[in-house]
Protein backbone atom coordinates (compact mmCIF):
# COMPACT_ATOMS: atom_id res chain seq x y z
CA MET A 1 115.14 123.36 79.35
CA SER A 2 113.54 119.85 80.11
CA LEU A 3 112.29 118.21 83.39
CA LEU A 4 114.76 115.61 84.82
CA VAL A 5 114.23 113.42 87.96
CA VAL A 6 116.74 111.19 89.51
CA GLY A 7 115.87 109.23 92.69
CA LEU A 8 115.77 105.91 94.58
CA SER A 9 112.74 104.52 96.46
CA HIS A 10 111.50 101.23 97.91
CA ARG A 11 110.95 99.82 94.70
CA SER A 12 114.58 100.25 93.55
CA ALA A 13 116.73 100.09 96.76
CA PRO A 14 116.81 97.81 99.81
CA VAL A 15 115.52 99.47 102.97
CA SER A 16 119.22 99.83 104.25
CA VAL A 17 120.60 101.83 101.52
CA LEU A 18 117.40 104.07 101.75
CA GLU A 19 118.17 104.28 105.49
CA ARG A 20 121.67 105.57 104.92
CA ALA A 21 120.65 107.74 102.02
CA SER A 22 117.88 109.79 103.86
CA LEU A 23 118.19 113.55 104.18
CA HIS A 24 117.35 115.50 107.10
CA ALA A 25 115.84 118.92 106.57
CA ASP A 26 119.18 120.87 106.69
CA ALA A 27 120.63 118.51 104.40
CA GLN A 28 117.71 118.78 101.98
CA THR A 29 117.87 122.71 101.60
CA LYS A 30 121.54 122.41 100.97
CA LEU A 31 120.66 119.97 98.11
CA LEU A 32 118.49 122.35 96.74
CA GLN A 33 120.92 125.48 96.92
CA ASP A 34 123.77 123.22 94.95
CA THR A 35 121.23 121.91 92.86
CA VAL A 36 120.38 125.38 91.30
CA ALA A 37 124.13 126.55 91.47
CA ALA A 38 124.83 123.45 89.21
CA GLU A 39 125.44 124.46 85.50
CA PRO A 40 122.96 122.27 84.05
CA ALA A 41 120.08 122.89 86.36
CA ALA A 42 118.22 126.10 86.57
CA GLU A 43 115.34 125.07 88.92
CA GLY A 44 115.31 122.14 91.45
CA ALA A 45 112.82 120.54 94.34
CA VAL A 46 113.47 117.63 96.64
CA LEU A 47 110.83 115.03 97.46
CA ALA A 48 112.05 113.01 100.64
CA THR A 49 109.79 110.49 102.40
CA CYS A 50 110.29 107.46 104.37
CA ASN A 51 110.71 105.34 101.40
CA ARG A 52 112.16 107.59 98.64
CA ILE A 53 114.49 110.30 97.94
CA GLU A 54 113.89 112.13 94.31
CA LEU A 55 115.75 114.99 93.09
CA TYR A 56 113.53 117.28 90.28
CA ALA A 57 115.17 119.88 88.04
CA ASP A 58 114.66 121.54 85.13
CA VAL A 59 118.16 121.24 82.84
CA ASP A 60 119.60 122.06 79.71
CA LYS A 61 121.38 119.09 78.88
CA PHE A 62 120.24 115.52 79.70
CA HIS A 63 123.51 113.63 80.11
CA ALA A 64 125.47 116.66 82.11
CA GLY A 65 122.14 116.60 84.24
CA VAL A 66 122.08 112.93 85.13
CA ALA A 67 125.57 112.93 86.31
CA GLU A 68 125.15 116.35 88.26
CA LEU A 69 122.15 115.29 89.91
CA SER A 70 123.53 111.57 90.72
CA THR A 71 126.69 113.25 92.18
CA LEU A 72 124.79 115.71 94.42
CA LEU A 73 122.64 113.00 95.85
CA ALA A 74 125.66 110.78 96.68
CA GLN A 75 127.42 113.99 98.13
CA HIS A 76 124.57 114.93 100.23
CA SER A 77 123.22 111.49 101.36
CA GLY A 78 126.67 110.47 102.28
CA VAL A 79 126.18 107.13 100.14
CA GLY A 80 128.91 106.80 97.88
CA LEU A 81 127.99 107.40 94.12
CA GLU A 82 129.47 103.95 93.08
CA GLU A 83 127.49 102.29 95.80
CA LEU A 84 124.35 104.29 94.94
CA THR A 85 124.67 104.44 91.28
CA PRO A 86 122.90 100.83 90.88
CA TYR A 87 119.57 101.69 92.85
CA LEU A 88 119.05 105.02 91.20
CA TYR A 89 116.23 105.69 88.37
CA VAL A 90 116.19 108.40 85.95
CA HIS A 91 113.08 110.00 84.02
CA TYR A 92 113.16 112.66 81.81
CA GLU A 93 110.42 115.07 80.29
CA ASP A 94 107.23 113.40 79.61
CA ARG A 95 108.21 110.25 81.68
CA ALA A 96 109.29 112.58 84.43
CA VAL A 97 105.86 113.98 84.49
CA HIS A 98 104.24 110.64 84.42
CA HIS A 99 106.35 109.44 87.33
CA LEU A 100 105.43 112.65 89.55
CA PHE A 101 101.63 112.17 88.77
CA SER A 102 101.85 108.44 89.85
CA VAL A 103 103.38 109.41 93.01
CA ALA A 104 100.76 111.83 93.66
CA CYS A 105 97.99 109.54 92.85
CA GLY A 106 99.78 106.57 95.41
CA LEU A 107 100.44 104.06 92.66
CA ASP A 108 104.22 104.40 93.60
CA SER A 109 103.58 104.11 97.08
CA MET A 110 104.73 101.22 99.55
CA VAL A 111 100.98 100.86 100.16
CA VAL A 112 99.25 101.49 97.07
CA GLY A 113 96.56 104.67 97.00
CA GLU A 114 97.69 106.12 100.12
CA GLY A 115 96.80 109.62 100.50
CA GLN A 116 99.89 111.10 102.76
CA ILE A 117 102.21 111.92 99.78
CA LEU A 118 99.95 114.45 98.64
CA GLY A 119 101.00 116.40 101.88
CA GLN A 120 104.66 115.45 101.30
CA ILE A 121 104.55 116.67 97.57
CA LYS A 122 102.85 119.89 98.93
CA ASP A 123 105.69 120.63 101.63
CA SER A 124 108.02 119.58 98.71
CA LEU A 125 107.08 122.53 96.90
CA ALA A 126 106.80 124.82 99.60
CA ARG A 127 110.36 124.22 100.75
CA ALA A 128 111.47 125.22 97.15
CA GLN A 129 109.28 128.14 96.90
CA GLU A 130 110.72 129.39 100.04
CA LEU A 131 114.20 128.84 98.90
CA HIS A 132 113.25 130.35 95.47
CA THR A 133 114.50 127.21 93.83
CA ALA A 134 111.44 126.68 91.87
CA GLY A 135 110.69 128.33 88.72
CA ARG A 136 107.93 128.44 86.28
CA LEU A 137 108.45 124.47 85.15
CA LEU A 138 108.55 123.03 88.76
CA ASN A 139 105.86 125.22 90.27
CA ASP A 140 103.48 124.00 87.42
CA LEU A 141 104.38 120.65 87.74
CA PHE A 142 104.10 120.09 91.52
CA GLN A 143 100.62 122.24 91.65
CA GLN A 144 99.23 120.11 88.90
CA ALA A 145 100.47 116.91 90.54
CA LEU A 146 98.45 117.95 93.47
CA ARG A 147 95.58 118.37 91.47
CA VAL A 148 96.08 115.06 89.84
CA GLY A 149 96.28 113.08 92.89
CA LYS A 150 93.21 115.09 94.36
CA ARG A 151 91.24 113.96 91.10
CA ALA A 152 92.30 110.54 91.51
CA HIS A 153 90.88 110.40 95.04
CA SER A 154 87.94 112.11 94.13
CA GLU A 155 86.69 110.23 91.13
CA THR A 156 88.06 106.97 91.88
CA GLY A 157 88.26 103.97 94.46
CA ILE A 158 91.66 104.06 95.22
CA ASP A 159 91.18 105.08 98.59
CA ARG A 160 89.85 101.18 98.77
CA ALA A 161 93.04 99.82 97.25
CA GLY A 162 95.17 101.43 99.85
CA GLN A 163 95.20 103.36 103.16
CA SER A 164 97.78 105.18 105.01
CA LEU A 165 101.32 103.53 105.97
CA VAL A 166 100.21 104.16 109.49
CA THR A 167 97.12 102.04 108.91
CA PHE A 168 98.72 99.41 107.31
CA GLY A 169 101.54 99.38 110.10
CA MET A 170 98.88 99.01 112.74
CA GLU A 171 97.30 95.93 110.90
CA GLN A 172 100.71 94.44 110.70
CA LEU A 173 101.00 94.66 114.42
CA ALA A 174 97.45 93.30 114.90
CA LEU A 175 98.35 90.13 113.07
CA GLY A 176 95.22 89.79 110.96
CA ALA A 177 92.87 90.81 113.89
CA PRO A 178 90.63 94.00 113.63
CA VAL A 179 92.70 96.98 114.30
CA GLU A 180 89.98 98.52 116.82
CA LEU A 181 89.62 95.23 118.66
CA TRP A 182 93.35 94.80 119.06
CA ALA A 183 93.83 98.47 120.21
CA ARG A 184 91.03 98.59 122.72
CA ASP A 185 92.08 99.61 126.12
CA LYS A 186 95.92 99.52 125.16
CA LYS A 187 98.33 102.22 126.38
CA ALA A 188 100.31 103.72 123.59
CA LEU A 189 103.44 105.76 123.37
CA VAL A 190 104.28 107.74 120.49
CA ILE A 191 107.85 109.12 119.97
CA GLY A 192 107.87 112.18 117.71
CA ALA A 193 105.32 114.96 117.18
CA GLY A 194 105.93 115.61 113.27
CA SER A 195 103.03 114.92 110.55
CA MET A 196 103.72 111.02 110.51
CA SER A 197 103.64 110.91 114.19
CA SER A 198 100.61 112.88 114.54
CA LEU A 199 98.50 110.81 111.98
CA ALA A 200 99.69 107.64 114.23
CA ALA A 201 98.62 108.93 117.70
CA ALA A 202 94.89 110.17 115.97
CA THR A 203 94.64 106.84 114.36
CA LEU A 204 95.35 104.99 117.72
CA ALA A 205 92.83 107.29 119.45
CA ARG A 206 90.12 106.58 116.86
CA ALA A 207 91.08 102.97 117.22
CA GLY A 208 90.07 102.72 120.90
CA VAL A 209 93.43 102.86 122.94
CA ALA A 210 92.95 104.10 126.48
CA GLU A 211 95.91 106.19 126.88
CA ILE A 212 98.55 107.95 124.52
CA ALA A 213 101.65 109.33 125.93
CA ILE A 214 103.51 111.57 123.56
CA ALA A 215 107.41 112.47 123.68
CA ASN A 216 109.18 114.98 121.57
CA ARG A 217 112.30 116.65 121.76
CA THR A 218 110.51 120.02 121.62
CA PRO A 219 108.20 119.67 124.46
CA GLU A 220 105.80 122.29 123.26
CA ARG A 221 104.72 120.27 120.05
CA ALA A 222 104.23 117.28 122.16
CA GLU A 223 101.66 119.54 124.38
CA ARG A 224 100.07 120.76 121.39
CA LEU A 225 99.40 117.53 120.05
CA ALA A 226 98.19 116.05 123.12
CA THR A 227 95.56 118.73 123.58
CA ILE A 228 94.44 118.24 120.07
CA LEU A 229 94.01 114.64 121.11
CA GLY A 230 92.24 115.30 124.08
CA GLU A 231 89.96 117.69 122.95
CA GLY A 232 88.86 115.43 119.74
CA ASP A 233 84.85 115.04 119.65
CA ASP A 234 85.34 111.62 118.11
CA THR A 235 87.66 110.09 120.55
CA ASP A 236 87.73 109.56 124.44
CA VAL A 237 91.38 109.09 125.25
CA LEU A 238 93.82 110.37 127.72
CA ALA A 239 96.59 112.21 126.27
CA ARG A 240 99.43 113.49 127.65
CA ALA A 241 103.08 114.88 126.73
CA VAL A 242 106.01 113.46 128.65
CA PRO A 243 109.51 114.50 128.23
CA MET A 244 112.15 112.37 126.14
CA ASP A 245 114.20 111.19 129.07
CA SER A 246 111.10 109.72 130.69
CA VAL A 247 110.71 107.26 127.62
CA PRO A 248 112.64 104.28 129.30
CA PHE A 249 109.86 104.55 132.15
CA GLU A 250 106.87 104.78 129.62
CA LEU A 251 108.18 101.72 127.97
CA THR A 252 107.50 99.77 131.23
CA ARG A 253 103.66 101.02 130.80
CA ALA A 254 103.09 100.82 127.10
CA ASP A 255 101.61 97.83 124.86
CA VAL A 256 102.17 99.92 121.75
CA VAL A 257 105.11 102.31 120.90
CA VAL A 258 105.11 104.38 117.42
CA SER A 259 108.36 106.14 116.86
CA CYS A 260 109.13 108.86 113.79
CA THR A 261 111.64 111.08 114.51
CA GLY A 262 114.14 113.10 112.25
CA ALA A 263 116.81 111.39 114.42
CA THR A 264 120.20 110.05 112.74
CA GLY A 265 120.42 107.59 115.38
CA LEU A 266 118.50 104.71 117.35
CA VAL A 267 116.26 106.16 119.56
CA LEU A 268 115.08 102.75 121.06
CA THR A 269 117.99 100.22 121.70
CA ALA A 270 117.41 96.63 122.05
CA ASP A 271 118.42 96.47 125.68
CA ALA A 272 115.58 99.39 126.72
CA ILE A 273 113.06 97.52 124.75
CA ALA A 274 114.03 94.35 126.49
CA ALA A 275 113.90 96.10 129.89
CA GLY A 276 110.49 97.59 129.01
CA ALA A 277 108.91 94.55 127.65
CA GLY A 278 110.68 92.47 130.63
CA SER A 279 109.06 94.57 133.38
CA ARG A 280 105.68 93.58 131.87
CA THR A 281 106.11 89.77 131.97
CA GLY A 282 108.18 89.76 135.39
CA ARG A 283 110.92 87.74 133.56
CA PRO A 284 113.76 88.73 131.11
CA VAL A 285 113.04 88.78 127.62
CA VAL A 286 115.65 86.56 125.94
CA VAL A 287 117.32 87.43 122.59
CA ASP A 288 116.80 84.55 120.19
CA LEU A 289 120.12 84.85 118.04
CA ASP A 290 119.73 81.04 117.04
CA GLU A 291 118.35 82.09 113.58
CA GLU A 292 120.92 84.54 113.11
CA ALA A 293 123.72 82.62 114.09
CA ALA A 294 122.80 79.64 111.61
CA ALA A 295 122.75 82.25 108.83
CA GLU A 296 126.22 83.24 109.51
CA THR A 297 127.55 79.77 109.52
CA PRO A 298 129.56 79.17 106.57
CA PRO A 299 128.01 76.66 104.14
CA GLY A 300 129.19 72.88 104.26
CA PRO A 301 132.07 71.96 101.95
CA THR A 302 131.78 70.95 98.55
CA SER A 303 135.07 69.21 98.21
CA ALA A 304 136.30 65.85 99.00
CA GLY A 305 137.24 65.08 102.56
CA ALA A 306 138.77 61.67 103.88
CA ASP A 307 136.49 60.24 106.91
CA GLU A 308 136.19 56.38 106.37
CA GLY A 309 135.73 56.41 102.84
CA CYS A 310 133.30 59.31 102.54
CA PRO A 311 134.11 62.30 100.29
CA LEU A 312 132.63 64.71 102.46
CA ASP A 313 133.93 66.38 105.62
CA LEU A 314 131.27 65.39 107.90
CA ALA A 315 132.36 67.23 110.99
CA ALA A 316 131.94 70.87 108.84
CA VAL A 317 128.43 70.07 107.52
CA ARG A 318 126.13 72.77 108.76
CA PRO A 319 123.54 71.48 111.70
CA GLY A 320 120.11 70.73 110.03
CA PHE A 321 121.80 69.68 106.89
CA SER A 322 121.73 66.15 105.88
CA VAL A 323 124.48 64.32 104.41
CA MET A 324 122.19 62.80 102.07
CA GLY A 325 120.81 66.08 100.87
CA GLU A 326 121.58 68.54 97.64
CA ALA A 327 123.09 71.23 100.19
CA ALA A 328 126.02 68.61 101.40
CA VAL A 329 127.11 67.57 98.23
CA ALA A 330 126.30 70.87 95.95
CA GLY A 331 129.42 71.40 93.46
CA MET A 332 130.55 67.65 93.37
CA ASP A 333 131.05 66.36 89.93
CA ALA A 334 129.58 63.06 88.94
CA ALA A 335 132.67 60.80 89.91
CA THR A 336 133.09 62.13 93.51
CA LEU A 337 128.99 61.83 93.91
CA GLU A 338 129.21 58.13 92.95
CA GLN A 339 131.71 57.69 95.58
CA HIS A 340 129.33 59.18 97.90
CA ALA A 341 126.44 57.08 96.84
CA ALA A 342 128.89 54.03 97.44
CA TRP A 343 129.67 55.11 100.88
CA ALA A 344 126.03 55.65 101.59
CA ALA A 345 125.15 52.58 100.36
CA SER A 346 127.69 50.63 102.57
CA GLY A 347 125.89 51.54 105.84
CA THR A 348 128.28 54.02 107.32
CA ALA A 349 125.98 56.82 106.41
CA ASP A 350 123.49 55.56 108.83
CA ARG A 351 125.86 55.60 111.94
CA ARG A 352 127.15 59.06 111.00
CA GLU A 353 123.33 60.11 110.41
CA SER A 354 122.24 58.80 113.58
CA ALA A 355 125.32 60.25 115.59
CA ARG A 356 124.48 63.61 114.14
CA GLY A 357 120.99 63.38 115.06
CA GLY A 358 119.81 63.92 111.46
CA PRO A 359 117.70 62.25 109.29
CA GLY A 360 118.60 58.69 108.08
CA ALA A 361 120.63 57.81 105.04
CA ASP A 362 118.82 57.53 101.58
CA ALA A 363 121.19 56.13 99.15
CA GLU A 364 118.73 56.10 96.26
CA LEU A 365 118.75 60.09 96.61
CA ILE A 366 122.32 59.87 96.46
CA GLY A 367 122.40 57.87 93.59
CA ALA A 368 119.59 60.15 91.86
CA LEU A 369 121.79 63.26 92.53
CA ALA A 370 124.54 61.40 90.91
CA ALA A 371 122.71 60.61 87.43
CA THR A 372 121.73 64.27 87.58
CA ALA A 373 125.43 65.38 88.08
CA SER A 374 126.28 63.05 85.41
CA THR A 375 124.31 65.01 82.74
CA VAL A 376 125.06 68.68 83.95
CA GLY A 377 128.70 67.96 85.29
CA ARG A 378 127.90 68.98 89.01
CA ILE A 379 125.16 69.58 91.06
CA PRO A 380 124.72 73.47 90.40
CA GLU A 381 123.25 75.01 93.46
CA ARG A 382 123.10 74.63 97.24
CA ARG A 383 119.97 74.57 98.77
CA ARG A 384 118.21 75.60 102.05
CA PRO A 385 118.99 73.30 104.98
CA GLU A 386 116.24 70.73 105.93
CA PRO A 387 113.85 72.75 108.40
CA VAL A 388 114.56 72.28 112.03
CA ALA A 389 111.95 72.17 114.55
CA GLU A 390 111.79 75.95 116.55
CA PRO A 391 110.24 76.41 119.56
CA PRO A 392 107.17 78.62 119.74
CA ARG A 393 107.74 82.46 120.12
CA PRO A 394 105.64 83.51 123.18
CA GLU A 395 103.07 85.77 122.58
CA PRO A 396 103.94 89.62 122.19
CA VAL A 397 103.40 91.85 125.18
CA LEU A 398 105.06 94.99 123.34
CA PHE A 399 104.08 96.06 119.86
CA LEU A 400 106.43 98.26 118.20
CA LEU A 401 105.99 100.36 115.03
CA ASP A 402 109.02 102.12 113.44
CA LEU A 403 107.94 104.64 110.65
CA ALA A 404 111.23 106.59 110.46
CA MET A 405 114.03 106.50 108.11
CA PRO A 406 116.95 106.35 109.06
CA ARG A 407 115.38 103.96 111.74
CA ASP A 408 114.47 104.79 115.23
CA ILE A 409 114.19 101.43 116.69
CA ASP A 410 117.21 98.63 116.87
CA ALA A 411 116.44 96.14 114.25
CA ALA A 412 117.63 93.54 116.75
CA ALA A 413 114.19 94.03 118.70
CA HIS A 414 112.95 91.70 115.97
CA ARG A 415 114.66 88.85 117.67
CA LEU A 416 113.57 89.79 121.44
CA ALA A 417 110.62 87.18 122.78
CA GLY A 418 107.56 88.67 123.72
CA VAL A 419 108.09 91.77 121.17
CA ARG A 420 106.68 92.38 117.92
CA LEU A 421 108.31 94.80 115.59
CA VAL A 422 107.07 96.37 112.25
CA ASP A 423 109.47 98.78 110.61
CA ILE A 424 109.72 99.93 107.03
CA GLU A 425 111.50 96.88 105.73
CA SER A 426 108.90 94.41 107.00
CA LEU A 427 106.20 96.72 105.48
CA ALA A 428 107.75 96.62 102.36
CA GLU A 429 107.83 93.04 102.42
CA ALA A 430 104.18 92.82 103.56
CA SER A 431 102.88 95.20 101.02
CA ALA A 432 104.50 93.21 97.85
CA ASP A 433 101.67 90.97 98.24
CA ALA A 434 99.17 93.35 98.89
CA PRO A 435 96.18 92.93 96.42
CA MET A 436 95.42 96.15 94.18
CA ALA A 437 91.73 97.09 93.52
CA ALA A 438 90.48 97.54 89.89
CA ASP A 439 90.25 101.43 90.61
CA VAL A 440 94.01 101.31 89.98
CA ASP A 441 93.52 100.90 86.21
CA GLN A 442 91.07 103.93 86.29
CA VAL A 443 93.84 106.14 88.03
CA ARG A 444 96.50 105.04 85.33
CA ARG A 445 94.26 106.36 82.75
CA ILE A 446 93.80 109.47 84.69
CA VAL A 447 97.27 110.10 84.81
CA SER A 448 97.93 109.46 81.07
CA ASP A 449 95.61 111.79 80.22
CA GLU A 450 96.84 114.42 82.64
CA VAL A 451 100.42 113.74 81.59
CA ALA A 452 99.21 114.75 77.86
CA ALA A 453 97.51 117.62 78.77
CA PHE A 454 100.42 118.91 80.83
CA GLY A 455 102.67 118.54 78.04
CA ALA A 456 100.47 120.32 75.62
CA ALA A 457 100.00 122.94 77.96
CA GLN A 458 103.88 123.42 78.73
CA ARG A 459 104.44 123.24 74.69
CA ALA A 460 101.92 125.98 74.13
CA ALA A 461 103.01 128.22 76.98
CA HIS A 462 106.59 127.91 75.49
CA ILE A 463 105.42 129.40 72.41
CA THR A 464 103.26 132.23 73.95
CA PRO A 465 106.49 134.67 74.48
CA THR A 466 107.18 134.25 70.68
CA VAL A 467 103.65 134.87 69.70
CA VAL A 468 103.49 138.11 72.22
CA ALA A 469 106.88 139.37 70.89
CA LEU A 470 105.33 139.09 67.24
CA ARG A 471 102.15 140.93 68.02
CA THR A 472 104.22 143.71 70.01
CA MET A 473 106.51 144.11 66.73
CA ALA A 474 103.30 144.57 64.57
CA ALA A 475 101.82 146.88 67.16
CA ASP A 476 105.00 149.02 66.72
CA VAL A 477 104.80 149.02 62.85
CA VAL A 478 101.48 150.22 62.90
CA ALA A 479 102.50 152.93 65.36
CA GLY A 480 105.35 153.94 63.17
CA GLU A 481 103.22 154.11 60.14
CA ILE A 482 100.40 155.97 61.77
CA ALA A 483 103.08 158.47 62.90
CA ARG A 484 104.60 158.57 59.10
CA LEU A 485 101.10 159.30 58.00
CA GLU A 486 100.55 162.12 60.33
CA GLY A 487 103.87 163.65 59.03
CA ARG A 488 102.46 163.43 55.46
CA LEU A 489 98.97 164.69 56.27
CA PRO A 490 99.25 167.26 59.18
CA GLY A 491 95.85 168.67 58.48
CA LEU A 492 94.13 165.17 59.06
CA ASP A 493 91.43 165.56 61.86
CA ASP A 494 91.00 163.49 64.92
CA LYS A 495 87.86 161.38 63.59
CA HIS A 496 89.73 160.37 60.10
CA ARG A 497 92.87 159.75 61.94
CA ALA A 498 91.21 157.16 64.46
CA GLU A 499 89.36 155.69 61.58
CA ILE A 500 92.59 155.09 59.61
CA THR A 501 94.60 153.67 62.76
CA GLN A 502 91.79 151.43 63.48
CA THR A 503 91.53 150.14 59.86
CA VAL A 504 95.48 149.51 60.00
CA ARG A 505 95.21 147.75 63.40
CA ARG A 506 92.38 145.41 62.02
CA VAL A 507 94.17 144.67 58.96
CA VAL A 508 97.06 143.98 60.79
CA ASP A 509 95.27 141.71 63.46
CA LYS A 510 93.58 139.73 60.60
CA LEU A 511 96.55 138.91 58.91
CA LEU A 512 98.30 137.42 62.31
CA HIS A 513 95.31 135.62 63.71
CA ALA A 514 95.15 132.83 61.62
CA PRO A 515 99.27 131.98 61.87
CA THR A 516 99.20 132.47 65.63
CA VAL A 517 96.30 130.57 66.38
CA ARG A 518 97.60 127.69 64.44
CA VAL A 519 100.96 127.82 65.68
CA LYS A 520 99.78 127.49 69.09
CA GLN A 521 97.91 124.38 68.05
CA LEU A 522 100.68 123.00 66.47
CA ALA A 523 103.16 123.77 69.11
CA ALA A 524 100.98 121.96 71.54
CA GLU A 525 101.57 118.71 69.81
CA PRO A 526 104.15 116.49 70.58
CA GLY A 527 107.46 117.76 68.83
CA GLY A 528 105.98 121.04 68.30
CA ALA A 529 108.69 122.99 70.08
CA GLY A 530 110.36 124.27 66.92
CA TYR A 531 107.45 126.07 65.54
CA ALA A 532 108.56 129.07 68.14
CA ASP A 533 112.11 128.89 66.30
CA ALA A 534 110.54 129.13 63.07
CA LEU A 535 108.27 131.95 64.00
CA ARG A 536 111.15 133.95 65.21
CA THR A 537 112.88 133.24 61.99
CA LEU A 538 110.39 134.11 59.48
CA PHE A 539 109.56 137.19 61.13
CA ASP A 540 113.07 137.85 62.18
CA LEU A 541 112.24 138.59 66.16
CA ASP A 542 114.85 140.02 68.37
CA PRO A 543 115.57 136.89 70.90
CA GLU A 544 116.36 139.38 73.46
CA THR A 545 112.66 140.86 73.28
CA VAL A 546 111.14 137.08 73.45
CA ALA A 547 113.34 136.66 76.54
CA SER A 548 111.97 139.73 78.17
CA VAL A 549 108.45 138.66 77.72
CA SER A 550 109.43 135.42 79.37
CA ARG A 551 110.99 137.20 82.14
CA ALA A 552 108.00 139.60 82.55
CA GLU A 553 105.47 136.84 82.67
CA GLU A 554 107.72 134.94 85.17
CA SER A 555 107.70 137.88 87.55
CA THR A 556 104.08 138.35 87.48
CA GLU A 557 103.39 134.67 88.32
CA LYS A 558 106.05 134.87 91.07
CA ASN A 559 104.24 138.23 92.52
CA ALA A 560 100.89 136.18 92.56
CA GLU A 561 102.39 133.31 94.24
CA ASN A 562 103.78 135.55 97.11
CA ARG A 563 100.37 137.31 97.49
CA GLY A 564 98.64 133.82 97.83
CA PRO A 565 95.40 132.80 97.03
């Protein structure tokens, strides 16, 4: 059997696809059950966070395993397989181990070095153990991943390279100001009481907000979180639980809103946010649709038109585009472009540009474009429109942080004046340019070393049942020979019988010692898996005996896990 992981993350897929493919708790459970029921897979575990969905399995066939796991992800996420496939990545055997260890250390996180992923890996393992879908391989893998992640954080300065997604989101809301200064004396509303929402509430409390209202569909959880925050020794915040139906009212009081729930639809609509922000300013919040409307306007024509000798259909040229610019003439061949240059030189262009309110004509630019087109055949691409001055947006009065996947807050809030929204998509864009500390290289070395050690341990463990079966067979041979000796020498006293028995056992142990030690060493090296087969063949070991040893070891390990540490 071999380890296989199939998944998608913020590195491989746009947020819109991740949002649609996200799995709620029930879907994860069903996915795990279907995974272990599938023919290629013997074990399964799901790692689902706000920016990744990964399915781990122990499979006996690579290609069949990839096909089956990809199909199961598509079925349970609700995104069609053809649409999902371009965003999937696949890791196998050592590469799969390397991937999970990198994830556990925060190297693959949206915010490099963040430590929240360790808790999510722990939850993933606990879910697989509860559903009995994690066997020896995945139990060993995930437990070792947790140890590797803890080692990376304790032995390196990776914490300096990154922070939690919550803290990073707060920094984006603060627009470069110190979070403590930005948050001081603000009123906050936290929607949700899960691990991420609890972390956000605690972060806000430590940052110095004056008040936190917590809304959750299960009131008891909101009340428990409010009690914990209110009793904290390192904060002085008024924390209170509120019902979900009071969220519209709380929006009129809050300065900061953090939402992270498991809802499948929007928790906060643009209308509700506009109403809440409008109550703070005393005037309606206007939705700025100019940018979106411009983005949806079809590009200007690339074919010839007929307007006072101009090859361009001036009426269809997009606002903000100069008729002298590349965007207006993209796709024209050299001959048509020369006609455009002649028209521009005639002075008609000046009048047209003036009438359109755009920049003045520049016949020399058109001539230069014509020279380019004569070399390459036509203007090869369409450029952005010339910049148009935009009125400054008012300072935000309502700050929104959406950490949910799928999103809790309507993306249209980005266009509301007086509102600043930071969501998973904008966090991904902001983190793309975040600097990485030198400690990241040290963490990568730790991951490489741990992957090698894990592989060696797994290969050594693979041969252990064969070695145990060999020693069991040798013990049976010794016992049979001693019994035969007693039949031939019935008058042998106990002292001599014990001495002979011990001598025979020592001879057998010495003969087997060097081969079994060496075969374990060889099996731990890359490509050493075949030594177990060789040992079984050389000593004619019964495969069922070897399998029974493996089952006995797995049963012992499972009982130990059930007893707990």
